[in-house]
Amino acid sequence: MDEMQTIKRGNLPLTLLQEILYSLEIRVPGCQNCSEAYRLRGPVNESALRASVAALVQRHDALRTVFQTTNDLPRAAITQTSEVPIELRREIHLELATHLVRQERLRGFDLSSALPFRVLLLELARDDHFLVVTFCHLVVDQVSVVLFMRELAHFYNALADGEVPSPLPRPMQSWEWLRREKSLAISKAFPAKAWFWTKKLSSMVMSPLPTDLEPGAEPIFHTDRQSITIQAGSLDLLKRSAREQGVTLFTVVLALCKIMLARFSGRWDVALFVPFHNRLRPQSAGVMGCLAMPLPLLVDFSPEMGFDNALKLVQAAMAEAIDNRDGLKLFQPSVAKSFMDFGNRKGPLPSHRTLPMVNYLVDAPRLELKGLAATSLELVRPDEFYKDLYFEFLQTLERDKLTLYVCYNPQLFKKATMSRLAEEFRCLSDESAAHPKASVGALAKQFFQR
C-alpha cells in the first residue's frame, strides 16, 4: 500500500518521544503546549500574515497532523485542509492582552480533529500588537519552531510588499523522515549499535532519589519551579572553563548537574536523560516535526576524579551515545518505562524512580517581519509533566546570562529543598570555574558546606 494512503487512514505510528507526550497530553490537555510570543511595533499586514500561515500549513504535513487512539495505540493521520488557525482580536488593552497571552499558553488542543498549532494576534493599537504562536509539542521541537518563524518571515515579507514569495526547496516531511529512520534498523551497523545499548542499559541505575515527602495517593500533573540566574561574570568563567577543556558549555552544565545529584542522592552513578535534537543528518534540516529523542547519559564519576577529567568523560559519553543513537530504537519500551508506566496508560504517573532530565535552550526564536519591530515576550517556562525532577537551562545571548529552572514534583520535594538546590548550583559553578582541577568529590563537599 502506498505510504501516503496509509497515513491518510490514520495508520502512522508515533516516535518514542511522541508516545510519551501523547499519553500525557490526553490526561491533561495543554500540558504539552509550547508558545512563542512577540510584541510587534508597527502596522501589521493582516492579510499577508494570514496568507503566510496558510502557506506554512500546506508546506508542512506536521502542521496538518491529527492524533487518535486505535486498538489502544496512538496513531497519527495527515489531513487535507485549507483551514488557517489564526484568530484576530481588536481593541485589547494591555492588561487583558497580557492575560490572554498567558491563557493561550495553557489552552489545550483537540488532537483528534483540530490542527496542532494556532496563531493569535491581539491589537492594542493600530501600530502595536501581540503575536502568539502556540504549538502542541507532538508535532514540533525547538528546531522546528525556529524553522517556522524563519519561513513565516519569508512569506510575510514578500506578501506585505505585494510580491510573490520566492519558492523554497521542498522540505522532507516528518513521515518521510520517520520512514527513513526505520530503514536504518536494517543497516549493517545496527546490530553493533543495539549491542552498545544492551550493555549500557543493563547497568543503568534506577534507584529512587531522596525526597522530602511521601507521594500522595492521587498524582498531580504539574510541577513547581525555582530559578536562579548566573550573570555575565560567572557565566564568563564557565565559558572559559569550557574553552580551556575543549568542550561545550552544555557539557560543563551536565557535569555540574552530575556532581550536584551525586551529593543529593549519595550515588555517583546516577544517570541523566538529555533531549537530543536528532538532526545531524543533512536531510533533517528542513523537517517540521518532533524529531528529538531522549538519550540516557550513562557515565560514572569517582570522587577522586578531577573536574577537568570529568568534563572530558561527559563529552565522550555524549558523543558515544549520539553515535549509537539508532540502536536505542530496539529499547524504546524500556526507555519509555523509565519515563512513565506505559503498561498502565490510564494509571498514575510513576514514583520518584524516574530519572532526572537536563535540557538546554538558547534564547527565543527571532522573528524578523518587514516594517515591524518584533520583541520577544518572556513567557513562564512550560511545565514538565513527565518528570519528577527536571533541570532546564535558558541562555539569553542578548543579556549574556544563564537561568536555571529547577522543576520538581511538589508531592515529593519541598520548596526550600529545591530553592537550596538551585542556589547551590550557582556556588558549584563558581567553584568549578575557579578550581577546574579540583576533584569532583571536593567540589561537591565544599559547595554543600557553603
Foldseek 3Di string as FASTA:
>chain_A
DDPQVCQQVFNAAADLVLQLLVLLCVVAFLLQKDKWKKKKFFAAPVVLLQVLQLVVVVQAQLQQKAWDADPNGITIHGDDDSDRQEEEEEQDADVVVVVVLQVVSRHGDNRHDDGFKHWYWYYNDRRIIMIMIMGRLQFADQLLQLLSQVSSQQSSQQVVVVHGRDDDPRADYPSNVVVVLVVCCPDPCQVVLLVVVVVQVVPADLDFFAFPADFDPAADQFWDKDKDKFAQVLLVLLCVLCVVLVHDSVLLVVLLVLLLSCLRRVAQFHKEKEWDQQCPDPSCNNYGGNNIDIFIQTDGADQQAFLSVSSVRSVVSVVSRSVSVSSCSVVSVVVSVLQANPVCSVDHGDPRSRGEYEYEEEDHRDHDHPRIDIDIDDDDDRTDRRHQWYWYWYAYPVRGMIMIMTIHRVSTHDPVVNNLSNVLSSVLSNVCSVRRGGGSNVSSVVSVVD
